[in-house]
Amino acid sequence: MRTHEQRDLTARLSALAEAPAPPPALDASAVIARGRVRLRRRRQAMIGVVAGSTAAVLAGVLLLRPAGGPPAPAVPAPTAPASITPSPTAAPTPAAATGPLSTEVRFGWLPQWLAHPAVGYANSDGRSVATAATTTAVLNAVPDLKLELLRGPGESVAPGTHTVTAPAVAGREARWLVTDASGTTTGLRWLTESGRWAELRATVWLGSKIQDDLLRVAADVRFGTSDVPFPVRPTGVPADLRLRTAEVHRPSKDSEPKWSAILSYTVDDKWLSVTIQPDGFGTFADGRPNGGTPVCRVAKGVRLCANGTAAQAASVQAAGGLAGLLERFDVLGADEASWAR
């Protein structure tokens, strides 16, 4: 997937995450899923293959089959045992979060078709997401996994999808996510020790083996809050700026730039985003309307850009406007090794 497409998709998903909460009748997961389908179709027309995305943040993905191939058959009954036992390290001791981004879920074991993956994280209003992607093509599709810890105990599945009983994960209830039309398994949802549901989806079709792999990945997921290394640290950001979304993306193993990040804030029903990436790749604006022209700063090989409808908020103006606000971020460097301090 092209870098600018990844940024555009990231921007759109960040905007959706920061929008006011929809009424109960609106299924946000369904809206995101339909948007992903439309983006995927446009992408297929341009590059002639079916491809997934690792976005951050906040979108369901479907199992894909090669473009132009026959319809994917219904997945046969899984060959996995009736219960999957987690590894002894599947529940680490929670660590205090010191940066702007923390996660409640991390991958443990990953399948060979996702060898040497790029792993990204997002947290939006309490919804933790981890993604893992590689550029290694499998059946003309670029595989990735999306792991998500859902907010509540009973979040509904996307329209056009139903659940069927799956083998227990760590001795707790689990369900396959299955498309209504084709009967294709698209993911796995299981109950965690906390009482919340975790969900795992993949973008590659591997026949019945995908069920074995999803069960094994789920059994080795690490739960517990931990800090995610991040390229900047906010220092003295106005107190009324509420951090809504923090994301660090690694689009694929060989993507350029290697990473990008977003911090999104709200104040008085207005939004403000700080986008971050290595310098030399242009201005990474999140693309939301009425945000104004981004104001940017470069430090230690990192470009930070801020824009949004909250640019004229009293607290932002008191901080020196967007330019002054960007000075309140301690830049750690473009090399990820410098982030862990």
C-alpha atoms as a PDB file:
ATOM      1  CA  MET A   1       0.000   0.000   0.000  1.00  0.00           C
ATOM      2  CA  ARG A   2       1.292   3.468  -0.872  1.00  0.00           C
ATOM      3  CA  THR A   3       2.449   5.646   1.979  1.00  0.00           C
ATOM      4  CA  HIS A   4       0.127   8.543   1.192  1.00  0.00           C
ATOM      5  CA  GLU A   5      -2.844   6.166   1.161  1.00  0.00           C
ATOM      6  CA  GLN A   6      -1.879   4.883   4.607  1.00  0.00           C
ATOM      7  CA  ARG A   7      -1.694   8.440   5.890  1.00  0.00           C
ATOM      8  CA  ASP A   8      -5.030   9.319   4.378  1.00  0.00           C
ATOM      9  CA  LEU A   9      -6.677   6.278   5.913  1.00  0.00           C
ATOM     10  CA  THR A  10      -5.028   6.984   9.270  1.00  0.00           C
ATOM     11  CA  ALA A  11      -6.349  10.540   9.119  1.00  0.00           C
ATOM     12  CA  ARG A  12      -9.869   9.483   8.321  1.00  0.00           C
ATOM     13  CA  LEU A  13      -9.922   6.912  11.105  1.00  0.00           C
ATOM     14  CA  SER A  14      -8.533   9.438  13.607  1.00  0.00           C
ATOM     15  CA  ALA A  15     -11.240  11.888  12.612  1.00  0.00           C
ATOM     16  CA  LEU A  16     -13.907   9.266  13.109  1.00  0.00           C
ATOM     17  CA  ALA A  17     -12.512   8.344  16.522  1.00  0.00           C
ATOM     18  CA  GLU A  18     -12.665  11.992  17.666  1.00  0.00           C
ATOM     19  CA  ALA A  19     -16.137  12.725  16.398  1.00  0.00           C
ATOM     20  CA  PRO A  20     -18.895  13.106  19.044  1.00  0.00           C
ATOM     21  CA  ALA A  21     -20.290   9.791  20.206  1.00  0.00           C
ATOM     22  CA  PRO A  22     -23.070   8.563  17.867  1.00  0.00           C
ATOM     23  CA  PRO A  23     -26.542   7.670  19.121  1.00  0.00           C
ATOM     24  CA  PRO A  24     -26.988   4.064  20.226  1.00  0.00           C
ATOM     25  CA  ALA A  25     -28.685   3.124  16.961  1.00  0.00           C
ATOM     26  CA  LEU A  26     -25.465   3.786  15.037  1.00  0.00           C
ATOM     27  CA  ASP A  27     -22.935   0.970  14.927  1.00  0.00           C
ATOM     28  CA  ALA A  28     -19.532   2.681  14.677  1.00  0.00           C
ATOM     29  CA  SER A  29     -17.816  -0.580  13.777  1.00  0.00           C
ATOM     30  CA  ALA A  30     -20.158  -0.996  10.836  1.00  0.00           C
ATOM     31  CA  VAL A  31     -19.465   2.527   9.605  1.00  0.00           C
ATOM     32  CA  ILE A  32     -15.724   1.931   9.762  1.00  0.00           C
ATOM     33  CA  ALA A  33     -16.054  -1.453   8.071  1.00  0.00           C
ATOM     34  CA  ARG A  34     -18.057   0.025   5.167  1.00  0.00           C
ATOM     35  CA  GLY A  35     -15.473   2.778   4.742  1.00  0.00           C
ATOM     36  CA  ARG A  36     -12.697   0.205   4.643  1.00  0.00           C
ATOM     37  CA  VAL A  37     -14.519  -1.744   1.957  1.00  0.00           C
ATOM     38  CA  ARG A  38     -14.853   1.376  -0.205  1.00  0.00           C
ATOM     39  CA  LEU A  39     -11.180   2.229   0.248  1.00  0.00           C
ATOM     40  CA  ARG A  40     -10.170  -1.333  -0.549  1.00  0.00           C
ATOM     41  CA  ARG A  41     -12.167  -1.313  -3.786  1.00  0.00           C
ATOM     42  CA  ARG A  42     -10.562   1.933  -4.926  1.00  0.00           C
ATOM     43  CA  ARG A  43      -7.138   0.563  -4.087  1.00  0.00           C
ATOM     44  CA  GLN A  44      -7.823  -2.612  -6.042  1.00  0.00           C
ATOM     45  CA  ALA A  45      -8.700  -0.577  -9.116  1.00  0.00           C
ATOM     46  CA  MET A  46      -5.372   1.259  -8.918  1.00  0.00           C
ATOM     47  CA  ILE A  47      -2.957  -1.564  -8.204  1.00  0.00           C
ATOM     48  CA  GLY A  48      -4.845  -4.642  -9.344  1.00  0.00           C
ATOM     49  CA  VAL A  49      -4.497  -6.615  -6.131  1.00  0.00           C
ATOM     50  CA  VAL A  50      -6.477  -6.947  -2.968  1.00  0.00           C
ATOM     51  CA  ALA A  51      -4.655  -5.389  -0.029  1.00  0.00           C
ATOM     52  CA  GLY A  52      -5.339  -4.667   3.597  1.00  0.00           C
ATOM     53  CA  SER A  53      -4.270  -1.812   5.845  1.00  0.00           C
ATOM     54  CA  THR A  54      -2.894  -1.540   9.364  1.00  0.00           C
ATOM     55  CA  ALA A  55      -4.529   1.439  10.495  1.00  0.00           C
ATOM     56  CA  ALA A  56      -4.676   2.408  13.671  1.00  0.00           C
ATOM     57  CA  VAL A  57      -6.809   2.689  14.975  1.00  0.00           C
ATOM     58  CA  LEU A  58      -9.816   1.820  14.784  1.00  0.00           C
ATOM     59  CA  ALA A  59     -11.158  -0.368  11.814  1.00  0.00           C
ATOM     60  CA  GLY A  60     -12.311  -3.938  11.200  1.00  0.00           C
ATOM     61  CA  VAL A  61     -10.679  -5.963   8.431  1.00  0.00           C
ATOM     62  CA  LEU A  62     -11.869  -8.938   6.395  1.00  0.00           C
ATOM     63  CA  LEU A  63     -10.211 -12.107   5.161  1.00  0.00           C
ATOM     64  CA  LEU A  64      -9.409 -11.647   1.500  1.00  0.00           C
ATOM     65  CA  ARG A  65      -8.969 -13.955  -1.468  1.00  0.00           C
ATOM     66  CA  PRO A  66      -6.839 -13.280  -4.580  1.00  0.00           C
ATOM     67  CA  ALA A  67      -8.280 -10.812  -7.087  1.00  0.00           C
ATOM     68  CA  GLY A  68     -10.041 -12.602  -9.931  1.00  0.00           C
ATOM     69  CA  GLY A  69      -9.976 -15.958  -8.145  1.00  0.00           C
ATOM     70  CA  PRO A  70     -12.934 -18.211  -7.399  1.00  0.00           C
ATOM     71  CA  PRO A  71     -15.164 -17.418  -4.408  1.00  0.00           C
ATOM     72  CA  ALA A  72     -13.606 -18.385  -1.109  1.00  0.00           C
ATOM     73  CA  PRO A  73     -15.089 -21.622   0.211  1.00  0.00           C
ATOM     74  CA  ALA A  74     -16.649 -21.886   3.623  1.00  0.00           C
ATOM     75  CA  VAL A  75     -14.028 -22.700   6.226  1.00  0.00           C
ATOM     76  CA  PRO A  76     -14.287 -26.296   7.457  1.00  0.00           C
ATOM     77  CA  ALA A  77     -14.481 -27.136  11.126  1.00  0.00           C
ATOM     78  CA  PRO A  78     -11.287 -26.122  12.936  1.00  0.00           C
ATOM     79  CA  THR A  79      -8.688 -28.737  13.647  1.00  0.00           C
ATOM     80  CA  ALA A  80      -7.580 -27.017  16.829  1.00  0.00           C
ATOM     81  CA  PRO A  81      -8.165 -28.733  20.164  1.00  0.00           C
ATOM     82  CA  ALA A  82     -11.305 -27.955  22.127  1.00  0.00           C
ATOM     83  CA  SER A  83      -9.445 -25.583  24.421  1.00  0.00           C
ATOM     84  CA  ILE A  84      -6.334 -23.473  23.972  1.00  0.00           C
ATOM     85  CA  THR A  85      -4.107 -22.918  26.986  1.00  0.00           C
ATOM     86  CA  PRO A  86      -2.319 -19.563  27.210  1.00  0.00           C
ATOM     87  CA  SER A  87       1.423 -19.275  27.685  1.00  0.00           C
ATOM     88  CA  PRO A  88       2.688 -18.582  31.230  1.00  0.00           C
ATOM     89  CA  THR A  89       3.594 -15.025  30.133  1.00  0.00           C
ATOM     90  CA  ALA A  90       0.154 -14.149  28.756  1.00  0.00           C
ATOM     91  CA  ALA A  91      -0.752 -11.858  31.689  1.00  0.00           C
ATOM     92  CA  PRO A  92       2.187  -9.575  32.566  1.00  0.00           C
ATOM     93  CA  THR A  93       2.224  -7.322  35.572  1.00  0.00           C
ATOM     94  CA  PRO A  94       0.788  -3.938  34.482  1.00  0.00           C
ATOM     95  CA  ALA A  95       3.361  -1.171  34.207  1.00  0.00           C
ATOM     96  CA  ALA A  96       2.723   2.493  34.856  1.00  0.00           C
ATOM     97  CA  ALA A  97       2.243   4.521  31.695  1.00  0.00           C
ATOM     98  CA  THR A  98       4.726   7.396  31.433  1.00  0.00           C
ATOM     99  CA  GLY A  99       4.197   8.527  27.818  1.00  0.00           C
ATOM    100  CA  PRO A 100       1.163   9.683  25.855  1.00  0.00           C
ATOM    101  CA  LEU A 101       0.384   6.194  24.532  1.00  0.00           C
ATOM    102  CA  SER A 102      -0.269   3.026  26.480  1.00  0.00           C
ATOM    103  CA  THR A 103      -1.773  -0.270  25.411  1.00  0.00           C
ATOM    104  CA  GLU A 104      -3.723  -3.028  27.112  1.00  0.00           C
ATOM    105  CA  VAL A 105      -2.960  -5.656  24.474  1.00  0.00           C
ATOM    106  CA  ARG A 106       0.227  -6.958  22.903  1.00  0.00           C
ATOM    107  CA  PHE A 107       0.928  -9.806  20.519  1.00  0.00           C
ATOM    108  CA  GLY A 108       2.847 -12.829  21.691  1.00  0.00           C
ATOM    109  CA  TRP A 109       3.174 -15.641  19.147  1.00  0.00           C
ATOM    110  CA  LEU A 110       2.681 -14.701  15.487  1.00  0.00           C
ATOM    111  CA  PRO A 111       2.334 -17.082  12.497  1.00  0.00           C
ATOM    112  CA  GLN A 112       5.075 -17.610   9.921  1.00  0.00           C
ATOM    113  CA  TRP A 113       3.092 -15.862   7.191  1.00  0.00           C
ATOM    114  CA  LEU A 114       3.511 -12.705   9.280  1.00  0.00           C
ATOM    115  CA  ALA A 115       7.263 -13.085   9.707  1.00  0.00           C
ATOM    116  CA  HIS A 116       9.200 -10.009  10.930  1.00  0.00           C
ATOM    117  CA  PRO A 117       6.061  -7.855  11.155  1.00  0.00           C
ATOM    118  CA  ALA A 118       5.815  -4.129  11.748  1.00  0.00           C
ATOM    119  CA  VAL A 119       3.724  -3.615  14.896  1.00  0.00           C
ATOM    120  CA  GLY A 120       1.691  -0.494  15.628  1.00  0.00           C
ATOM    121  CA  TYR A 121      -0.558   0.641  18.471  1.00  0.00           C
ATOM    122  CA  ALA A 122      -3.507   2.968  18.969  1.00  0.00           C
ATOM    123  CA  ASN A 123      -5.624   3.986  21.929  1.00  0.00           C
ATOM    124  CA  SER A 124      -8.803   5.989  21.399  1.00  0.00           C
ATOM    125  CA  ASP A 125     -11.146   6.659  24.303  1.00  0.00           C
ATOM    126  CA  GLY A 126     -10.218   3.441  26.041  1.00  0.00           C
ATOM    127  CA  ARG A 127     -10.197   1.158  23.003  1.00  0.00           C
ATOM    128  CA  SER A 128      -6.772  -0.474  22.636  1.00  0.00           C
ATOM    129  CA  VAL A 129      -5.697  -1.716  19.206  1.00  0.00           C
ATOM    130  CA  ALA A 130      -2.525  -3.483  18.077  1.00  0.00           C
ATOM    131  CA  THR A 131      -1.717  -4.190  14.433  1.00  0.00           C
ATOM    132  CA  ALA A 132       0.947  -6.362  12.839  1.00  0.00           C
ATOM    133  CA  ALA A 133       1.735  -6.238   9.121  1.00  0.00           C
ATOM    134  CA  THR A 134       4.370  -7.381   6.645  1.00  0.00           C
ATOM    135  CA  THR A 135       4.948  -6.772   2.946  1.00  0.00           C
ATOM    136  CA  THR A 136       5.398 -10.478   2.276  1.00  0.00           C
ATOM    137  CA  ALA A 137       2.629 -11.353  -0.207  1.00  0.00           C
ATOM    138  CA  VAL A 138       0.483 -14.446   0.363  1.00  0.00           C
ATOM    139  CA  LEU A 139      -1.894 -15.336  -2.476  1.00  0.00           C
ATOM    140  CA  ASN A 140      -1.493 -11.789  -3.867  1.00  0.00           C
ATOM    141  CA  ALA A 141      -2.666 -10.255  -0.585  1.00  0.00           C
ATOM    142  CA  VAL A 142      -0.522  -8.430   1.965  1.00  0.00           C
ATOM    143  CA  PRO A 143      -1.336 -10.106   5.283  1.00  0.00           C
ATOM    144  CA  ASP A 144      -1.898  -8.322   8.544  1.00  0.00           C
ATOM    145  CA  LEU A 145      -3.534  -8.904  11.899  1.00  0.00           C
ATOM    146  CA  LYS A 146      -5.585  -6.507  14.001  1.00  0.00           C
ATOM    147  CA  LEU A 147      -6.007  -7.170  17.704  1.00  0.00           C
ATOM    148  CA  GLU A 148      -8.521  -5.103  19.620  1.00  0.00           C
ATOM    149  CA  LEU A 149      -9.715  -4.979  23.221  1.00  0.00           C
ATOM    150  CA  LEU A 150     -13.343  -3.884  23.008  1.00  0.00           C
ATOM    151  CA  ARG A 151     -14.742  -1.291  25.399  1.00  0.00           C
ATOM    152  CA  GLY A 152     -17.745  -3.146  26.776  1.00  0.00           C
ATOM    153  CA  PRO A 153     -18.675  -6.751  27.519  1.00  0.00           C
ATOM    154  CA  GLY A 154     -21.324  -7.005  24.799  1.00  0.00           C
ATOM    155  CA  GLU A 155     -20.317  -5.002  21.719  1.00  0.00           C
ATOM    156  CA  SER A 156     -22.266  -6.133  18.682  1.00  0.00           C
ATOM    157  CA  VAL A 157     -20.586  -7.513  15.569  1.00  0.00           C
ATOM    158  CA  ALA A 158     -20.615  -5.647  12.252  1.00  0.00           C
ATOM    159  CA  PRO A 159     -23.698  -5.954  10.012  1.00  0.00           C
ATOM    160  CA  GLY A 160     -23.454  -8.900   7.656  1.00  0.00           C
ATOM    161  CA  THR A 161     -21.559 -10.896  10.267  1.00  0.00           C
ATOM    162  CA  HIS A 162     -22.703 -13.456  12.810  1.00  0.00           C
ATOM    163  CA  THR A 163     -20.944 -15.540  15.444  1.00  0.00           C
ATOM    164  CA  VAL A 164     -20.631 -19.282  15.965  1.00  0.00           C
ATOM    165  CA  THR A 165     -19.109 -21.180  18.862  1.00  0.00           C
ATOM    166  CA  ALA A 166     -15.314 -21.524  18.776  1.00  0.00           C
ATOM    167  CA  PRO A 167     -12.965 -23.568  20.976  1.00  0.00           C
ATOM    168  CA  ALA A 168     -12.413 -21.952  24.362  1.00  0.00           C
ATOM    169  CA  VAL A 169      -9.441 -19.605  24.739  1.00  0.00           C
ATOM    170  CA  ALA A 170      -7.779 -19.825  28.163  1.00  0.00           C
ATOM    171  CA  GLY A 171     -10.852 -21.717  29.344  1.00  0.00           C
ATOM    172  CA  ARG A 172     -13.218 -18.877  28.469  1.00  0.00           C
ATOM    173  CA  GLU A 173     -15.967 -18.447  25.886  1.00  0.00           C
ATOM    174  CA  ALA A 174     -14.895 -17.787  22.289  1.00  0.00           C
ATOM    175  CA  ARG A 175     -16.747 -17.209  19.032  1.00  0.00           C
ATOM    176  CA  TRP A 176     -15.822 -17.222  15.361  1.00  0.00           C
ATOM    177  CA  LEU A 177     -16.863 -14.160  13.351  1.00  0.00           C
ATOM    178  CA  VAL A 178     -18.476 -15.403  10.128  1.00  0.00           C
ATOM    179  CA  THR A 179     -19.819 -13.494   7.120  1.00  0.00           C
ATOM    180  CA  ASP A 180     -23.515 -14.101   6.484  1.00  0.00           C
ATOM    181  CA  ALA A 181     -23.238 -14.331   2.689  1.00  0.00           C
ATOM    182  CA  SER A 182     -20.302 -16.720   2.213  1.00  0.00           C
ATOM    183  CA  GLY A 183     -19.910 -18.420   5.573  1.00  0.00           C
ATOM    184  CA  THR A 184     -16.255 -17.324   5.597  1.00  0.00           C
ATOM    185  CA  THR A 185     -14.534 -17.008   8.956  1.00  0.00           C
ATOM    186  CA  THR A 186     -13.244 -13.446   9.325  1.00  0.00           C
ATOM    187  CA  GLY A 187     -11.934 -13.450  12.866  1.00  0.00           C
ATOM    188  CA  LEU A 188     -12.135 -14.607  16.457  1.00  0.00           C
ATOM    189  CA  ARG A 189     -13.695 -12.976  19.502  1.00  0.00           C
ATOM    190  CA  TRP A 190     -13.093 -14.258  23.023  1.00  0.00           C
ATOM    191  CA  LEU A 191     -13.884 -13.296  26.603  1.00  0.00           C
ATOM    192  CA  THR A 192     -10.902 -12.095  28.631  1.00  0.00           C
ATOM    193  CA  GLU A 193     -10.268 -12.404  32.339  1.00  0.00           C
ATOM    194  CA  SER A 194     -11.335  -8.781  32.821  1.00  0.00           C
ATOM    195  CA  GLY A 195     -14.819  -9.526  31.449  1.00  0.00           C
ATOM    196  CA  ARG A 196     -14.181  -7.557  28.244  1.00  0.00           C
ATOM    197  CA  TRP A 197     -14.071  -9.147  24.804  1.00  0.00           C
ATOM    198  CA  ALA A 198     -10.943  -9.224  22.666  1.00  0.00           C
ATOM    199  CA  GLU A 199     -11.185  -9.497  18.893  1.00  0.00           C
ATOM    200  CA  LEU A 200      -8.648 -10.698  16.340  1.00  0.00           C
ATOM    201  CA  ARG A 201      -8.984 -10.308  12.562  1.00  0.00           C
ATOM    202  CA  ALA A 202      -6.754 -11.119   9.602  1.00  0.00           C
ATOM    203  CA  THR A 203      -6.588  -9.966   5.986  1.00  0.00           C
ATOM    204  CA  VAL A 204      -5.259 -13.112   4.347  1.00  0.00           C
ATOM    205  CA  TRP A 205      -7.039 -16.255   3.249  1.00  0.00           C
ATOM    206  CA  LEU A 206      -5.158 -19.387   4.265  1.00  0.00           C
ATOM    207  CA  GLY A 207      -7.907 -22.001   4.255  1.00  0.00           C
ATOM    208  CA  SER A 208      -8.790 -23.855   7.423  1.00  0.00           C
ATOM    209  CA  LYS A 209      -5.324 -23.250   8.892  1.00  0.00           C
ATOM    210  CA  ILE A 210      -6.306 -19.655   9.623  1.00  0.00           C
ATOM    211  CA  GLN A 211      -8.502 -20.886  12.469  1.00  0.00           C
ATOM    212  CA  ASP A 212      -5.617 -22.768  14.064  1.00  0.00           C
ATOM    213  CA  ASP A 213      -3.426 -19.684  13.754  1.00  0.00           C
ATOM    214  CA  LEU A 214      -6.013 -17.299  15.191  1.00  0.00           C
ATOM    215  CA  LEU A 215      -6.564 -19.570  18.178  1.00  0.00           C
ATOM    216  CA  ARG A 216      -2.841 -19.822  18.831  1.00  0.00           C
ATOM    217  CA  VAL A 217      -2.335 -16.042  18.501  1.00  0.00           C
ATOM    218  CA  ALA A 218      -5.254 -15.412  20.872  1.00  0.00           C
ATOM    219  CA  ALA A 219      -3.897 -17.846  23.451  1.00  0.00           C
ATOM    220  CA  ASP A 220      -0.600 -15.946  23.595  1.00  0.00           C
ATOM    221  CA  VAL A 221      -1.942 -12.374  23.688  1.00  0.00           C
ATOM    222  CA  ARG A 222      -0.472 -10.310  26.527  1.00  0.00           C
ATOM    223  CA  PHE A 223      -2.987  -8.297  28.551  1.00  0.00           C
ATOM    224  CA  GLY A 224      -2.109  -5.555  31.022  1.00  0.00           C
ATOM    225  CA  THR A 225      -1.455  -1.842  30.657  1.00  0.00           C
ATOM    226  CA  SER A 226       2.035  -0.982  29.450  1.00  0.00           C
ATOM    227  CA  ASP A 227       3.752   2.058  28.002  1.00  0.00           C
ATOM    228  CA  VAL A 228       4.327   2.237  24.219  1.00  0.00           C
ATOM    229  CA  PRO A 229       7.558   4.028  23.209  1.00  0.00           C
ATOM    230  CA  PHE A 230       6.613   7.270  21.461  1.00  0.00           C
ATOM    231  CA  PRO A 231       8.680   9.868  19.524  1.00  0.00           C
ATOM    232  CA  VAL A 232       7.599  12.882  21.636  1.00  0.00           C
ATOM    233  CA  ARG A 233       6.536  13.676  25.191  1.00  0.00           C
ATOM    234  CA  PRO A 234       3.978  16.435  25.885  1.00  0.00           C
ATOM    235  CA  THR A 235       5.342  18.942  28.431  1.00  0.00           C
ATOM    236  CA  GLY A 236       3.053  21.686  29.681  1.00  0.00           C
ATOM    237  CA  VAL A 237       0.210  21.140  27.234  1.00  0.00           C
ATOM    238  CA  PRO A 238      -2.803  23.245  28.360  1.00  0.00           C
ATOM    239  CA  ALA A 239      -4.837  21.323  30.911  1.00  0.00           C
ATOM    240  CA  ASP A 240      -8.130  21.730  29.065  1.00  0.00           C
ATOM    241  CA  LEU A 241      -6.805  19.918  25.990  1.00  0.00           C
ATOM    242  CA  ARG A 242      -8.169  16.407  26.479  1.00  0.00           C
ATOM    243  CA  LEU A 243      -6.122  13.680  24.820  1.00  0.00           C
ATOM    244  CA  ARG A 244      -8.597  11.577  22.852  1.00  0.00           C
ATOM    245  CA  THR A 245      -6.391   9.495  20.570  1.00  0.00           C
ATOM    246  CA  ALA A 246      -2.740   8.464  20.524  1.00  0.00           C
ATOM    247  CA  GLU A 247      -1.372   6.306  17.715  1.00  0.00           C
ATOM    248  CA  VAL A 248       1.953   5.093  16.423  1.00  0.00           C
ATOM    249  CA  HIS A 249       1.795   3.385  13.025  1.00  0.00           C
ATOM    250  CA  ARG A 250       4.214   1.136  11.221  1.00  0.00           C
ATOM    251  CA  PRO A 251       2.417   0.533   7.896  1.00  0.00           C
ATOM    252  CA  SER A 252       4.493  -2.494   6.882  1.00  0.00           C
ATOM    253  CA  LYS A 253       7.901  -4.040   7.322  1.00  0.00           C
ATOM    254  CA  ASP A 254       9.464  -2.066   4.459  1.00  0.00           C
ATOM    255  CA  SER A 255       7.321   1.089   4.462  1.00  0.00           C
ATOM    256  CA  GLU A 256       8.649   4.609   4.118  1.00  0.00           C
ATOM    257  CA  PRO A 257       8.576   6.397   6.408  1.00  0.00           C
ATOM    258  CA  LYS A 258       9.114   3.599   8.874  1.00  0.00           C
ATOM    259  CA  TRP A 259       6.687   5.119  11.348  1.00  0.00           C
ATOM    260  CA  SER A 260       4.225   7.957  11.903  1.00  0.00           C
ATOM    261  CA  ALA A 261       2.301   9.072  14.966  1.00  0.00           C
ATOM    262  CA  ILE A 262      -0.682  11.190  15.943  1.00  0.00           C
ATOM    263  CA  LEU A 263      -1.866  12.859  19.126  1.00  0.00           C
ATOM    264  CA  SER A 264      -5.424  14.226  18.925  1.00  0.00           C
ATOM    265  CA  TYR A 265      -6.987  16.520  21.504  1.00  0.00           C
ATOM    266  CA  THR A 266     -10.411  18.075  22.056  1.00  0.00           C
ATOM    267  CA  VAL A 267     -11.476  21.250  23.841  1.00  0.00           C
ATOM    268  CA  ASP A 268     -14.906  22.929  23.816  1.00  0.00           C
ATOM    269  CA  ASP A 269     -16.181  20.592  21.075  1.00  0.00           C
ATOM    270  CA  LYS A 270     -13.230  21.506  18.856  1.00  0.00           C
ATOM    271  CA  TRP A 271     -10.322  19.316  17.829  1.00  0.00           C
ATOM    272  CA  LEU A 272      -6.577  19.734  17.533  1.00  0.00           C
ATOM    273  CA  SER A 273      -4.121  17.200  16.151  1.00  0.00           C
ATOM    274  CA  VAL A 274      -0.349  16.938  16.341  1.00  0.00           C
ATOM    275  CA  THR A 275       1.023  14.683  13.612  1.00  0.00           C
ATOM    276  CA  ILE A 276       4.573  13.376  13.891  1.00  0.00           C
ATOM    277  CA  GLN A 277       6.912  11.659  11.435  1.00  0.00           C
ATOM    278  CA  PRO A 278      10.567  11.613  10.378  1.00  0.00           C
ATOM    279  CA  ASP A 279      11.549  14.808   8.590  1.00  0.00           C
ATOM    280  CA  GLY A 280      11.906  14.651   4.826  1.00  0.00           C
ATOM    281  CA  PHE A 281       8.559  13.088   3.966  1.00  0.00           C
ATOM    282  CA  GLY A 282       6.480  16.238   3.523  1.00  0.00           C
ATOM    283  CA  THR A 283       3.769  17.593   5.802  1.00  0.00           C
ATOM    284  CA  PHE A 284       1.699  14.906   7.450  1.00  0.00           C
ATOM    285  CA  ALA A 285      -1.645  16.691   7.868  1.00  0.00           C
ATOM    286  CA  ASP A 286      -4.567  14.594   8.992  1.00  0.00           C
ATOM    287  CA  GLY A 287      -6.891  15.869   6.251  1.00  0.00           C
ATOM    288  CA  ARG A 288      -9.930  16.770   8.326  1.00  0.00           C
ATOM    289  CA  PRO A 289     -11.962  19.732   7.013  1.00  0.00           C
ATOM    290  CA  ASN A 290     -11.819  23.245   8.458  1.00  0.00           C
ATOM    291  CA  GLY A 291      -8.586  22.541  10.253  1.00  0.00           C
ATOM    292  CA  GLY A 292      -6.630  25.407   8.718  1.00  0.00           C
ATOM    293  CA  THR A 293      -3.060  25.315   7.437  1.00  0.00           C
ATOM    294  CA  PRO A 294      -0.786  23.131   9.580  1.00  0.00           C
ATOM    295  CA  VAL A 295       1.955  24.840  11.572  1.00  0.00           C
ATOM    296  CA  CYS A 296       5.107  22.721  11.703  1.00  0.00           C
ATOM    297  CA  ARG A 297       8.310  22.408  13.685  1.00  0.00           C
ATOM    298  CA  VAL A 298      11.395  20.259  12.958  1.00  0.00           C
ATOM    299  CA  ALA A 299      13.642  19.025  15.759  1.00  0.00           C
ATOM    300  CA  LYS A 300      16.088  16.099  16.034  1.00  0.00           C
ATOM    301  CA  GLY A 301      15.094  14.819  12.594  1.00  0.00           C
ATOM    302  CA  VAL A 302      11.382  14.780  13.475  1.00  0.00           C
ATOM    303  CA  ARG A 303       8.651  16.935  11.923  1.00  0.00           C
ATOM    304  CA  LEU A 304       5.680  17.897  14.100  1.00  0.00           C
ATOM    305  CA  CYS A 305       2.648  19.597  12.550  1.00  0.00           C
ATOM    306  CA  ALA A 306      -0.373  20.955  14.400  1.00  0.00           C
ATOM    307  CA  ASN A 307      -3.740  22.072  13.090  1.00  0.00           C
ATOM    308  CA  GLY A 308      -7.387  21.920  13.997  1.00  0.00           C
ATOM    309  CA  THR A 309     -10.473  23.906  14.840  1.00  0.00           C
ATOM    310  CA  ALA A 310      -9.167  24.445  18.386  1.00  0.00           C
ATOM    311  CA  ALA A 311      -6.276  26.589  17.118  1.00  0.00           C
ATOM    312  CA  GLN A 312      -8.077  29.730  18.331  1.00  0.00           C
ATOM    313  CA  ALA A 313      -9.026  28.308  21.722  1.00  0.00           C
ATOM    314  CA  ALA A 314      -8.066  30.617  24.573  1.00  0.00           C
ATOM    315  CA  SER A 315      -5.703  28.105  26.157  1.00  0.00           C
ATOM    316  CA  VAL A 316      -3.946  27.438  22.834  1.00  0.00           C
ATOM    317  CA  GLN A 317      -3.554  31.140  22.161  1.00  0.00           C
ATOM    318  CA  ALA A 318      -2.217  31.618  25.689  1.00  0.00           C
ATOM    319  CA  ALA A 319       0.391  28.969  24.916  1.00  0.00           C
ATOM    320  CA  GLY A 320       1.580  30.982  21.909  1.00  0.00           C
ATOM    321  CA  GLY A 321      -0.765  29.563  19.295  1.00  0.00           C
ATOM    322  CA  LEU A 322       0.037  26.387  17.399  1.00  0.00           C
ATOM    323  CA  ALA A 323       3.712  27.325  17.086  1.00  0.00           C
ATOM    324  CA  GLY A 324       3.994  27.828  20.838  1.00  0.00           C
ATOM    325  CA  LEU A 325       2.084  24.643  21.506  1.00  0.00           C
ATOM    326  CA  LEU A 326       4.542  22.592  19.426  1.00  0.00           C
ATOM    327  CA  GLU A 327       7.398  23.895  21.580  1.00  0.00           C
ATOM    328  CA  ARG A 328       5.751  22.115  24.491  1.00  0.00           C
ATOM    329  CA  PHE A 329       6.581  18.710  23.069  1.00  0.00           C
ATOM    330  CA  ASP A 330       9.903  17.156  24.022  1.00  0.00           C
ATOM    331  CA  VAL A 331      11.206  15.501  20.832  1.00  0.00           C
ATOM    332  CA  LEU A 332      13.136  12.295  21.489  1.00  0.00           C
ATOM    333  CA  GLY A 333      14.383  11.666  17.947  1.00  0.00           C
ATOM    334  CA  ALA A 334      13.621   9.898  14.662  1.00  0.00           C
ATOM    335  CA  ASP A 335      15.473   6.734  15.712  1.00  0.00           C
ATOM    336  CA  GLU A 336      13.059   4.504  17.634  1.00  0.00           C
ATOM    337  CA  ALA A 337      15.915   3.455  19.917  1.00  0.00           C
ATOM    338  CA  SER A 338      15.822   6.985  21.396  1.00  0.00           C
ATOM    339  CA  TRP A 339      12.173   6.728  22.446  1.00  0.00           C
ATOM    340  CA  ALA A 340      12.682   4.390  25.409  1.00  0.00           C
ATOM    341  CA  ARG A 341      13.707   6.872  28.043  1.00  0.00           C
END
